[in-house]
ModelCIF file with pLDDT and N, C-alpha, C, O atoms, coordinates in Angstrom:
data_MODEL
#
_entry.id   MODEL 
#
_entity.id                         1 
_entity.type                       polymer 
_entity.pdbx_number_of_molecules   1 
#
_entity_poly.entity_id                      1 
_entity_poly.type                           'polypeptide(L)' 
_entity_poly.nstd_linkage                   no 
_entity_poly.nstd_monomer                   no 
_entity_poly.pdbx_seq_one_letter_code       VNYFSENNLALQLVSASTEAKLKVGVAHEEKRLNDIEIVVKKE 
_entity_poly.pdbx_seq_one_letter_code_can   VNYFSENNLALQLVSASTEAKLKVGVAHEEKRLNDIEIVVKKE 
_entity_poly.pdbx_strand_id                 A 
#
loop_
_entity_poly_seq.entity_id 
_entity_poly_seq.num 
_entity_poly_seq.mon_id 
_entity_poly_seq.hetero 
1 1  VAL n 
1 2  ASN n 
1 3  TYR n 
1 4  PHE n 
1 5  SER n 
1 6  GLU n 
1 7  ASN n 
1 8  ASN n 
1 9  LEU n 
1 10 ALA n 
1 11 LEU n 
1 12 GLN n 
1 13 LEU n 
1 14 VAL n 
1 15 SER n 
1 16 ALA n 
1 17 SER n 
1 18 THR n 
1 19 GLU n 
1 20 ALA n 
1 21 LYS n 
1 22 LEU n 
1 23 LYS n 
1 24 VAL n 
1 25 GLY n 
1 26 VAL n 
1 27 ALA n 
1 28 HIS n 
1 29 GLU n 
1 30 GLU n 
1 31 LYS n 
1 32 ARG n 
1 33 LEU n 
1 34 ASN n 
1 35 ASP n 
1 36 ILE n 
1 37 GLU n 
1 38 ILE n 
1 39 VAL n 
1 40 VAL n 
1 41 LYS n 
1 42 LYS n 
1 43 GLU n 
#
_struct_asym.id          A 
_struct_asym.entity_id   1 
#
loop_
_ma_qa_metric.id 
_ma_qa_metric.mode 
_ma_qa_metric.name 
_ma_qa_metric.software_group_id 
_ma_qa_metric.type 
1 global pLDDT . pLDDT 
2 local  pLDDT . pLDDT 
#
_ma_qa_metric_global.metric_id      1 
_ma_qa_metric_global.metric_value   91.21 
_ma_qa_metric_global.model_id       1 
_ma_qa_metric_global.ordinal_id     1 
#
loop_
_ma_qa_metric_local.label_asym_id 
_ma_qa_metric_local.label_comp_id 
_ma_qa_metric_local.label_seq_id 
_ma_qa_metric_local.metric_id 
_ma_qa_metric_local.metric_value 
_ma_qa_metric_local.model_id 
_ma_qa_metric_local.ordinal_id 
A VAL 1  2 97.00 1 1  
A ASN 2  2 95.00 1 2  
A TYR 3  2 95.00 1 3  
A PHE 4  2 92.00 1 4  
A SER 5  2 87.00 1 5  
A GLU 6  2 86.00 1 6  
A ASN 7  2 88.00 1 7  
A ASN 8  2 90.00 1 8  
A LEU 9  2 91.00 1 9  
A ALA 10 2 91.00 1 10 
A LEU 11 2 93.00 1 11 
A GLN 12 2 93.00 1 12 
A LEU 13 2 93.00 1 13 
A VAL 14 2 95.00 1 14 
A SER 15 2 94.00 1 15 
A ALA 16 2 94.00 1 16 
A SER 17 2 93.00 1 17 
A THR 18 2 94.00 1 18 
A GLU 19 2 93.00 1 19 
A ALA 20 2 95.00 1 20 
A LYS 21 2 94.00 1 21 
A LEU 22 2 94.00 1 22 
A LYS 23 2 95.00 1 23 
A VAL 24 2 95.00 1 24 
A GLY 25 2 94.00 1 25 
A VAL 26 2 92.00 1 26 
A ALA 27 2 87.00 1 27 
A HIS 28 2 82.00 1 28 
A GLU 29 2 84.00 1 29 
A GLU 30 2 84.00 1 30 
A LYS 31 2 87.00 1 31 
A ARG 32 2 89.00 1 32 
A LEU 33 2 91.00 1 33 
A ASN 34 2 93.00 1 34 
A ASP 35 2 93.00 1 35 
A ILE 36 2 92.00 1 36 
A GLU 37 2 94.00 1 37 
A ILE 38 2 94.00 1 38 
A VAL 39 2 93.00 1 39 
A VAL 40 2 91.00 1 40 
A LYS 41 2 87.00 1 41 
A LYS 42 2 83.00 1 42 
A GLU 43 2 85.00 1 43 
#
loop_
_atom_site.group_PDB 
_atom_site.id 
_atom_site.type_symbol 
_atom_site.label_atom_id 
_atom_site.label_alt_id 
_atom_site.label_comp_id 
_atom_site.label_asym_id 
_atom_site.label_entity_id 
_atom_site.label_seq_id 
_atom_site.pdbx_PDB_ins_code 
_atom_site.Cartn_x 
_atom_site.Cartn_y 
_atom_site.Cartn_z 
_atom_site.occupancy 
_atom_site.B_iso_or_equiv 
_atom_site.pdbx_formal_charge 
_atom_site.auth_seq_id 
_atom_site.auth_comp_id 
_atom_site.auth_asym_id 
_atom_site.auth_atom_id 
_atom_site.pdbx_PDB_model_num 
ATOM 1   N N  . VAL A 1 1  ? -3.019  0.565  23.225 1.00 97.00 ? 1  VAL A N  1 
ATOM 2   C CA . VAL A 1 1  ? -2.837  1.579  23.869 1.00 97.00 ? 1  VAL A CA 1 
ATOM 3   C C  . VAL A 1 1  ? -4.110  1.663  25.091 1.00 97.00 ? 1  VAL A C  1 
ATOM 4   O O  . VAL A 1 1  ? -5.262  2.021  24.847 1.00 97.00 ? 1  VAL A O  1 
ATOM 5   N N  . ASN A 1 2  ? -3.676  1.311  26.219 1.00 95.00 ? 2  ASN A N  1 
ATOM 6   C CA . ASN A 1 2  ? -4.561  1.627  26.992 1.00 95.00 ? 2  ASN A CA 1 
ATOM 7   C C  . ASN A 1 2  ? -4.666  3.043  28.042 1.00 95.00 ? 2  ASN A C  1 
ATOM 8   O O  . ASN A 1 2  ? -4.034  3.060  29.098 1.00 95.00 ? 2  ASN A O  1 
ATOM 9   N N  . TYR A 1 3  ? -5.433  4.071  27.664 1.00 95.00 ? 3  TYR A N  1 
ATOM 10  C CA . TYR A 1 3  ? -5.534  5.399  27.988 1.00 95.00 ? 3  TYR A CA 1 
ATOM 11  C C  . TYR A 1 3  ? -6.602  5.429  28.896 1.00 95.00 ? 3  TYR A C  1 
ATOM 12  O O  . TYR A 1 3  ? -7.682  5.925  28.576 1.00 95.00 ? 3  TYR A O  1 
ATOM 13  N N  . PHE A 1 4  ? -6.370  4.881  30.137 1.00 92.00 ? 4  PHE A N  1 
ATOM 14  C CA . PHE A 1 4  ? -7.222  5.004  31.452 1.00 92.00 ? 4  PHE A CA 1 
ATOM 15  C C  . PHE A 1 4  ? -6.601  4.666  32.766 1.00 92.00 ? 4  PHE A C  1 
ATOM 16  O O  . PHE A 1 4  ? -6.037  3.591  32.969 1.00 92.00 ? 4  PHE A O  1 
ATOM 17  N N  . SER A 1 5  ? -6.696  5.411  33.463 1.00 87.00 ? 5  SER A N  1 
ATOM 18  C CA . SER A 1 5  ? -6.435  5.136  34.662 1.00 87.00 ? 5  SER A CA 1 
ATOM 19  C C  . SER A 1 5  ? -7.620  4.542  36.036 1.00 87.00 ? 5  SER A C  1 
ATOM 20  O O  . SER A 1 5  ? -7.456  4.143  37.189 1.00 87.00 ? 5  SER A O  1 
ATOM 21  N N  . GLU A 1 6  ? -8.354  4.679  35.482 1.00 86.00 ? 6  GLU A N  1 
ATOM 22  C CA . GLU A 1 6  ? -9.974  4.289  36.521 1.00 86.00 ? 6  GLU A CA 1 
ATOM 23  C C  . GLU A 1 6  ? -9.824  2.753  36.884 1.00 86.00 ? 6  GLU A C  1 
ATOM 24  O O  . GLU A 1 6  ? -9.520  1.993  35.964 1.00 86.00 ? 6  GLU A O  1 
ATOM 25  N N  . ASN A 1 7  ? -9.991  2.301  38.006 1.00 88.00 ? 7  ASN A N  1 
ATOM 26  C CA . ASN A 1 7  ? -10.600 1.359  38.039 1.00 88.00 ? 7  ASN A CA 1 
ATOM 27  C C  . ASN A 1 7  ? -11.986 0.411  38.073 1.00 88.00 ? 7  ASN A C  1 
ATOM 28  O O  . ASN A 1 7  ? -12.718 0.014  38.980 1.00 88.00 ? 7  ASN A O  1 
ATOM 29  N N  . ASN A 1 8  ? -11.965 0.246  36.503 1.00 90.00 ? 8  ASN A N  1 
ATOM 30  C CA . ASN A 1 8  ? -13.189 -0.027 36.076 1.00 90.00 ? 8  ASN A CA 1 
ATOM 31  C C  . ASN A 1 8  ? -13.201 -1.565 35.143 1.00 90.00 ? 8  ASN A C  1 
ATOM 32  O O  . ASN A 1 8  ? -12.602 -1.789 34.091 1.00 90.00 ? 8  ASN A O  1 
ATOM 33  N N  . LEU A 1 9  ? -14.006 -2.402 35.853 1.00 91.00 ? 9  LEU A N  1 
ATOM 34  C CA . LEU A 1 9  ? -14.277 -3.563 35.200 1.00 91.00 ? 9  LEU A CA 1 
ATOM 35  C C  . LEU A 1 9  ? -14.352 -3.894 33.913 1.00 91.00 ? 9  LEU A C  1 
ATOM 36  O O  . LEU A 1 9  ? -13.729 -4.803 33.364 1.00 91.00 ? 9  LEU A O  1 
ATOM 37  N N  . ALA A 1 10 ? -15.073 -3.198 33.455 1.00 91.00 ? 10 ALA A N  1 
ATOM 38  C CA . ALA A 1 10 ? -15.567 -3.430 31.720 1.00 91.00 ? 10 ALA A CA 1 
ATOM 39  C C  . ALA A 1 10 ? -14.324 -2.750 31.170 1.00 91.00 ? 10 ALA A C  1 
ATOM 40  O O  . ALA A 1 10 ? -13.837 -3.500 30.324 1.00 91.00 ? 10 ALA A O  1 
ATOM 41  N N  . LEU A 1 11 ? -13.557 -1.551 31.313 1.00 93.00 ? 11 LEU A N  1 
ATOM 42  C CA . LEU A 1 11 ? -12.655 -1.121 30.455 1.00 93.00 ? 11 LEU A CA 1 
ATOM 43  C C  . LEU A 1 11 ? -11.439 -2.250 30.797 1.00 93.00 ? 11 LEU A C  1 
ATOM 44  O O  . LEU A 1 11 ? -10.655 -2.409 29.861 1.00 93.00 ? 11 LEU A O  1 
ATOM 45  N N  . GLN A 1 12 ? -11.245 -2.842 31.691 1.00 93.00 ? 12 GLN A N  1 
ATOM 46  C CA . GLN A 1 12 ? -10.178 -4.031 32.150 1.00 93.00 ? 12 GLN A CA 1 
ATOM 47  C C  . GLN A 1 12 ? -10.064 -4.995 31.276 1.00 93.00 ? 12 GLN A C  1 
ATOM 48  O O  . GLN A 1 12 ? -9.029  -5.431 30.770 1.00 93.00 ? 12 GLN A O  1 
ATOM 49  N N  . LEU A 1 13 ? -11.502 -5.428 31.051 1.00 93.00 ? 13 LEU A N  1 
ATOM 50  C CA . LEU A 1 13 ? -12.116 -6.735 30.575 1.00 93.00 ? 13 LEU A CA 1 
ATOM 51  C C  . LEU A 1 13 ? -11.515 -6.378 29.070 1.00 93.00 ? 13 LEU A C  1 
ATOM 52  O O  . LEU A 1 13 ? -10.617 -7.120 28.674 1.00 93.00 ? 13 LEU A O  1 
ATOM 53  N N  . VAL A 1 14 ? -11.959 -5.254 28.166 1.00 95.00 ? 14 VAL A N  1 
ATOM 54  C CA . VAL A 1 14 ? -11.976 -4.871 27.240 1.00 95.00 ? 14 VAL A CA 1 
ATOM 55  C C  . VAL A 1 14 ? -10.439 -5.196 26.696 1.00 95.00 ? 14 VAL A C  1 
ATOM 56  O O  . VAL A 1 14 ? -10.103 -5.966 25.796 1.00 95.00 ? 14 VAL A O  1 
ATOM 57  N N  . SER A 1 15 ? -9.663  -4.396 27.499 1.00 94.00 ? 15 SER A N  1 
ATOM 58  C CA . SER A 1 15 ? -8.216  -4.518 27.574 1.00 94.00 ? 15 SER A CA 1 
ATOM 59  C C  . SER A 1 15 ? -7.595  -5.799 27.370 1.00 94.00 ? 15 SER A C  1 
ATOM 60  O O  . SER A 1 15 ? -6.978  -6.183 26.377 1.00 94.00 ? 15 SER A O  1 
ATOM 61  N N  . ALA A 1 16 ? -7.870  -6.485 28.580 1.00 94.00 ? 16 ALA A N  1 
ATOM 62  C CA . ALA A 1 16 ? -7.747  -8.068 28.506 1.00 94.00 ? 16 ALA A CA 1 
ATOM 63  C C  . ALA A 1 16 ? -7.727  -9.039 27.461 1.00 94.00 ? 16 ALA A C  1 
ATOM 64  O O  . ALA A 1 16 ? -6.959  -9.939 27.123 1.00 94.00 ? 16 ALA A O  1 
ATOM 65  N N  . SER A 1 17 ? -8.989  -8.498 26.990 1.00 93.00 ? 17 SER A N  1 
ATOM 66  C CA . SER A 1 17 ? -9.491  -9.564 25.686 1.00 93.00 ? 17 SER A CA 1 
ATOM 67  C C  . SER A 1 17 ? -9.027  -9.032 24.603 1.00 93.00 ? 17 SER A C  1 
ATOM 68  O O  . SER A 1 17 ? -8.832  -9.855 23.709 1.00 93.00 ? 17 SER A O  1 
ATOM 69  N N  . THR A 1 18 ? -8.723  -7.716 24.299 1.00 94.00 ? 18 THR A N  1 
ATOM 70  C CA . THR A 1 18 ? -8.107  -7.518 22.987 1.00 94.00 ? 18 THR A CA 1 
ATOM 71  C C  . THR A 1 18 ? -6.675  -8.317 22.691 1.00 94.00 ? 18 THR A C  1 
ATOM 72  O O  . THR A 1 18 ? -5.932  -8.615 23.626 1.00 94.00 ? 18 THR A O  1 
ATOM 73  N N  . GLU A 1 19 ? -6.351  -8.639 21.298 1.00 93.00 ? 19 GLU A N  1 
ATOM 74  C CA . GLU A 1 19 ? -5.428  -9.557 21.198 1.00 93.00 ? 19 GLU A CA 1 
ATOM 75  C C  . GLU A 1 19 ? -4.116  -8.354 20.651 1.00 93.00 ? 19 GLU A C  1 
ATOM 76  O O  . GLU A 1 19 ? -4.125  -7.829 19.537 1.00 93.00 ? 19 GLU A O  1 
ATOM 77  N N  . ALA A 1 20 ? -3.331  -8.168 21.441 1.00 95.00 ? 20 ALA A N  1 
ATOM 78  C CA . ALA A 1 20 ? -2.201  -7.320 20.807 1.00 95.00 ? 20 ALA A CA 1 
ATOM 79  C C  . ALA A 1 20 ? -0.907  -7.686 21.099 1.00 95.00 ? 20 ALA A C  1 
ATOM 80  O O  . ALA A 1 20 ? -0.808  -8.312 22.154 1.00 95.00 ? 20 ALA A O  1 
ATOM 81  N N  . LYS A 1 21 ? 0.211   -7.474 20.440 1.00 94.00 ? 21 LYS A N  1 
ATOM 82  C CA . LYS A 1 21 ? 1.524   -7.874 20.654 1.00 94.00 ? 21 LYS A CA 1 
ATOM 83  C C  . LYS A 1 21 ? 2.166   -7.393 21.603 1.00 94.00 ? 21 LYS A C  1 
ATOM 84  O O  . LYS A 1 21 ? 3.087   -7.999 22.150 1.00 94.00 ? 21 LYS A O  1 
ATOM 85  N N  . LEU A 1 22 ? 1.730   -6.114 21.967 1.00 94.00 ? 22 LEU A N  1 
ATOM 86  C CA . LEU A 1 22 ? 2.420   -5.148 22.906 1.00 94.00 ? 22 LEU A CA 1 
ATOM 87  C C  . LEU A 1 22 ? 1.293   -4.760 23.468 1.00 94.00 ? 22 LEU A C  1 
ATOM 88  O O  . LEU A 1 22 ? 0.305   -4.875 22.744 1.00 94.00 ? 22 LEU A O  1 
ATOM 89  N N  . LYS A 1 23 ? 1.082   -4.231 24.791 1.00 95.00 ? 23 LYS A N  1 
ATOM 90  C CA . LYS A 1 23 ? 0.082   -3.416 25.382 1.00 95.00 ? 23 LYS A CA 1 
ATOM 91  C C  . LYS A 1 23 ? 1.103   -2.544 26.314 1.00 95.00 ? 23 LYS A C  1 
ATOM 92  O O  . LYS A 1 23 ? 2.180   -2.780 26.862 1.00 95.00 ? 23 LYS A O  1 
ATOM 93  N N  . VAL A 1 24 ? 0.243   -1.438 26.220 1.00 95.00 ? 24 VAL A N  1 
ATOM 94  C CA . VAL A 1 24 ? 0.997   -0.200 27.074 1.00 95.00 ? 24 VAL A CA 1 
ATOM 95  C C  . VAL A 1 24 ? -0.048  0.764  27.270 1.00 95.00 ? 24 VAL A C  1 
ATOM 96  O O  . VAL A 1 24 ? -0.802  1.114  26.362 1.00 95.00 ? 24 VAL A O  1 
ATOM 97  N N  . GLY A 1 25 ? -0.102  1.219  28.512 1.00 94.00 ? 25 GLY A N  1 
ATOM 98  C CA . GLY A 1 25 ? -0.777  1.834  29.067 1.00 94.00 ? 25 GLY A CA 1 
ATOM 99  C C  . GLY A 1 25 ? -0.501  3.126  30.034 1.00 94.00 ? 25 GLY A C  1 
ATOM 100 O O  . GLY A 1 25 ? 0.689   3.370  30.236 1.00 94.00 ? 25 GLY A O  1 
ATOM 101 N N  . VAL A 1 26 ? -1.380  3.905  30.599 1.00 92.00 ? 26 VAL A N  1 
ATOM 102 C CA . VAL A 1 26 ? -1.099  4.774  31.949 1.00 92.00 ? 26 VAL A CA 1 
ATOM 103 C C  . VAL A 1 26 ? -0.833  3.859  33.453 1.00 92.00 ? 26 VAL A C  1 
ATOM 104 O O  . VAL A 1 26 ? -1.400  2.777  33.602 1.00 92.00 ? 26 VAL A O  1 
ATOM 105 N N  . ALA A 1 27 ? -0.164  4.274  34.233 1.00 87.00 ? 27 ALA A N  1 
ATOM 106 C CA . ALA A 1 27 ? -0.055  3.376  35.004 1.00 87.00 ? 27 ALA A CA 1 
ATOM 107 C C  . ALA A 1 27 ? -1.716  3.055  35.762 1.00 87.00 ? 27 ALA A C  1 
ATOM 108 O O  . ALA A 1 27 ? -2.603  3.891  35.929 1.00 87.00 ? 27 ALA A O  1 
ATOM 109 N N  . HIS A 1 28 ? -1.742  1.963  36.030 1.00 82.00 ? 28 HIS A N  1 
ATOM 110 C CA . HIS A 1 28 ? -2.929  1.422  36.420 1.00 82.00 ? 28 HIS A CA 1 
ATOM 111 C C  . HIS A 1 28 ? -2.774  0.320  37.722 1.00 82.00 ? 28 HIS A C  1 
ATOM 112 O O  . HIS A 1 28 ? -1.777  -0.392 37.841 1.00 82.00 ? 28 HIS A O  1 
ATOM 113 N N  . GLU A 1 29 ? -3.788  0.301  38.565 1.00 84.00 ? 29 GLU A N  1 
ATOM 114 C CA . GLU A 1 29 ? -3.969  -0.395 39.598 1.00 84.00 ? 29 GLU A CA 1 
ATOM 115 C C  . GLU A 1 29 ? -3.605  -2.236 39.250 1.00 84.00 ? 29 GLU A C  1 
ATOM 116 O O  . GLU A 1 29 ? -2.849  -2.957 39.902 1.00 84.00 ? 29 GLU A O  1 
ATOM 117 N N  . GLU A 1 30 ? -4.238  -2.528 38.306 1.00 84.00 ? 30 GLU A N  1 
ATOM 118 C CA . GLU A 1 30 ? -4.349  -3.736 37.691 1.00 84.00 ? 30 GLU A CA 1 
ATOM 119 C C  . GLU A 1 30 ? -2.706  -3.860 37.036 1.00 84.00 ? 30 GLU A C  1 
ATOM 120 O O  . GLU A 1 30 ? -2.424  -3.456 35.908 1.00 84.00 ? 30 GLU A O  1 
ATOM 121 N N  . LYS A 1 31 ? -1.882  -4.387 37.819 1.00 87.00 ? 31 LYS A N  1 
ATOM 122 C CA . LYS A 1 31 ? -0.428  -4.221 36.858 1.00 87.00 ? 31 LYS A CA 1 
ATOM 123 C C  . LYS A 1 31 ? -0.470  -5.103 35.758 1.00 87.00 ? 31 LYS A C  1 
ATOM 124 O O  . LYS A 1 31 ? 0.401   -4.873 34.920 1.00 87.00 ? 31 LYS A O  1 
ATOM 125 N N  . ARG A 1 32 ? -1.384  -6.240 35.463 1.00 89.00 ? 32 ARG A N  1 
ATOM 126 C CA . ARG A 1 32 ? -1.322  -7.240 34.717 1.00 89.00 ? 32 ARG A CA 1 
ATOM 127 C C  . ARG A 1 32 ? -2.143  -6.877 33.216 1.00 89.00 ? 32 ARG A C  1 
ATOM 128 O O  . ARG A 1 32 ? -2.277  -7.658 32.274 1.00 89.00 ? 32 ARG A O  1 
ATOM 129 N N  . LEU A 1 33 ? -2.446  -6.015 33.267 1.00 91.00 ? 33 LEU A N  1 
ATOM 130 C CA . LEU A 1 33 ? -3.241  -5.315 31.986 1.00 91.00 ? 33 LEU A CA 1 
ATOM 131 C C  . LEU A 1 33 ? -2.168  -4.894 30.964 1.00 91.00 ? 33 LEU A C  1 
ATOM 132 O O  . LEU A 1 33 ? -2.217  -5.159 29.763 1.00 91.00 ? 33 LEU A O  1 
ATOM 133 N N  . ASN A 1 34 ? -1.131  -4.161 31.627 1.00 93.00 ? 34 ASN A N  1 
ATOM 134 C CA . ASN A 1 34 ? -0.267  -3.484 30.550 1.00 93.00 ? 34 ASN A CA 1 
ATOM 135 C C  . ASN A 1 34 ? 1.089   -4.472 30.319 1.00 93.00 ? 34 ASN A C  1 
ATOM 136 O O  . ASN A 1 34 ? 1.221   -5.258 31.257 1.00 93.00 ? 34 ASN A O  1 
ATOM 137 N N  . ASP A 1 35 ? 1.974   -4.580 29.421 1.00 93.00 ? 35 ASP A N  1 
ATOM 138 C CA . ASP A 1 35 ? 3.372   -4.761 29.274 1.00 93.00 ? 35 ASP A CA 1 
ATOM 139 C C  . ASP A 1 35 ? 4.128   -3.474 29.894 1.00 93.00 ? 35 ASP A C  1 
ATOM 140 O O  . ASP A 1 35 ? 4.893   -3.632 30.846 1.00 93.00 ? 35 ASP A O  1 
ATOM 141 N N  . ILE A 1 36 ? 3.952   -2.487 29.463 1.00 92.00 ? 36 ILE A N  1 
ATOM 142 C CA . ILE A 1 36 ? 4.838   -1.173 29.535 1.00 92.00 ? 36 ILE A CA 1 
ATOM 143 C C  . ILE A 1 36 ? 3.274   -0.025 30.022 1.00 92.00 ? 36 ILE A C  1 
ATOM 144 O O  . ILE A 1 36 ? 2.304   0.355  29.365 1.00 92.00 ? 36 ILE A O  1 
ATOM 145 N N  . GLU A 1 37 ? 3.744   0.223  31.585 1.00 94.00 ? 37 GLU A N  1 
ATOM 146 C CA . GLU A 1 37 ? 3.067   1.310  32.172 1.00 94.00 ? 37 GLU A CA 1 
ATOM 147 C C  . GLU A 1 37 ? 3.729   2.802  31.998 1.00 94.00 ? 37 GLU A C  1 
ATOM 148 O O  . GLU A 1 37 ? 4.927   2.974  32.224 1.00 94.00 ? 37 GLU A O  1 
ATOM 149 N N  . ILE A 1 38 ? 3.005   3.697  31.646 1.00 94.00 ? 38 ILE A N  1 
ATOM 150 C CA . ILE A 1 38 ? 3.492   5.282  31.726 1.00 94.00 ? 38 ILE A CA 1 
ATOM 151 C C  . ILE A 1 38 ? 2.854   5.866  32.890 1.00 94.00 ? 38 ILE A C  1 
ATOM 152 O O  . ILE A 1 38 ? 1.679   5.904  33.258 1.00 94.00 ? 38 ILE A O  1 
ATOM 153 N N  . VAL A 1 39 ? 4.054   6.359  33.423 1.00 93.00 ? 39 VAL A N  1 
ATOM 154 C CA . VAL A 1 39 ? 3.153   7.083  34.640 1.00 93.00 ? 39 VAL A CA 1 
ATOM 155 C C  . VAL A 1 39 ? 2.956   8.721  34.136 1.00 93.00 ? 39 VAL A C  1 
ATOM 156 O O  . VAL A 1 39 ? 3.911   9.429  33.817 1.00 93.00 ? 39 VAL A O  1 
ATOM 157 N N  . VAL A 1 40 ? 1.614   9.145  34.131 1.00 91.00 ? 40 VAL A N  1 
ATOM 158 C CA . VAL A 1 40 ? 1.498   10.436 33.272 1.00 91.00 ? 40 VAL A CA 1 
ATOM 159 C C  . VAL A 1 40 ? 0.105   10.704 34.303 1.00 91.00 ? 40 VAL A C  1 
ATOM 160 O O  . VAL A 1 40 ? -0.545  9.920  34.994 1.00 91.00 ? 40 VAL A O  1 
ATOM 161 N N  . LYS A 1 41 ? -0.010  12.073 34.076 1.00 87.00 ? 41 LYS A N  1 
ATOM 162 C CA . LYS A 1 41 ? -1.726  12.477 34.445 1.00 87.00 ? 41 LYS A CA 1 
ATOM 163 C C  . LYS A 1 41 ? -2.511  12.446 33.059 1.00 87.00 ? 41 LYS A C  1 
ATOM 164 O O  . LYS A 1 41 ? -2.117  12.533 31.895 1.00 87.00 ? 41 LYS A O  1 
ATOM 165 N N  . LYS A 1 42 ? -3.620  12.307 33.561 1.00 83.00 ? 42 LYS A N  1 
ATOM 166 C CA . LYS A 1 42 ? -4.587  12.007 32.332 1.00 83.00 ? 42 LYS A CA 1 
ATOM 167 C C  . LYS A 1 42 ? -4.403  13.208 31.164 1.00 83.00 ? 42 LYS A C  1 
ATOM 168 O O  . LYS A 1 42 ? -4.451  12.836 29.991 1.00 83.00 ? 42 LYS A O  1 
ATOM 169 N N  . GLU A 1 43 ? -4.176  14.762 31.474 1.00 85.00 ? 43 GLU A N  1 
ATOM 170 C CA . GLU A 1 43 ? -4.054  15.459 30.730 1.00 85.00 ? 43 GLU A CA 1 
ATOM 171 C C  . GLU A 1 43 ? -2.607  15.632 29.877 1.00 85.00 ? 43 GLU A C  1 
ATOM 172 O O  . GLU A 1 43 ? -2.510  16.483 28.993 1.00 85.00 ? 43 GLU A O  1 
#
């Protein structure tokens, strides 16, 4: 679960480096990070 939307390289690299069968997160500028994106506000 990637619960971030900021464009931060360190966050993106940790996400991309994590081995997971399914990656889901908040809608993000880098579309390749998540298999599924959910559009919500951070709160």
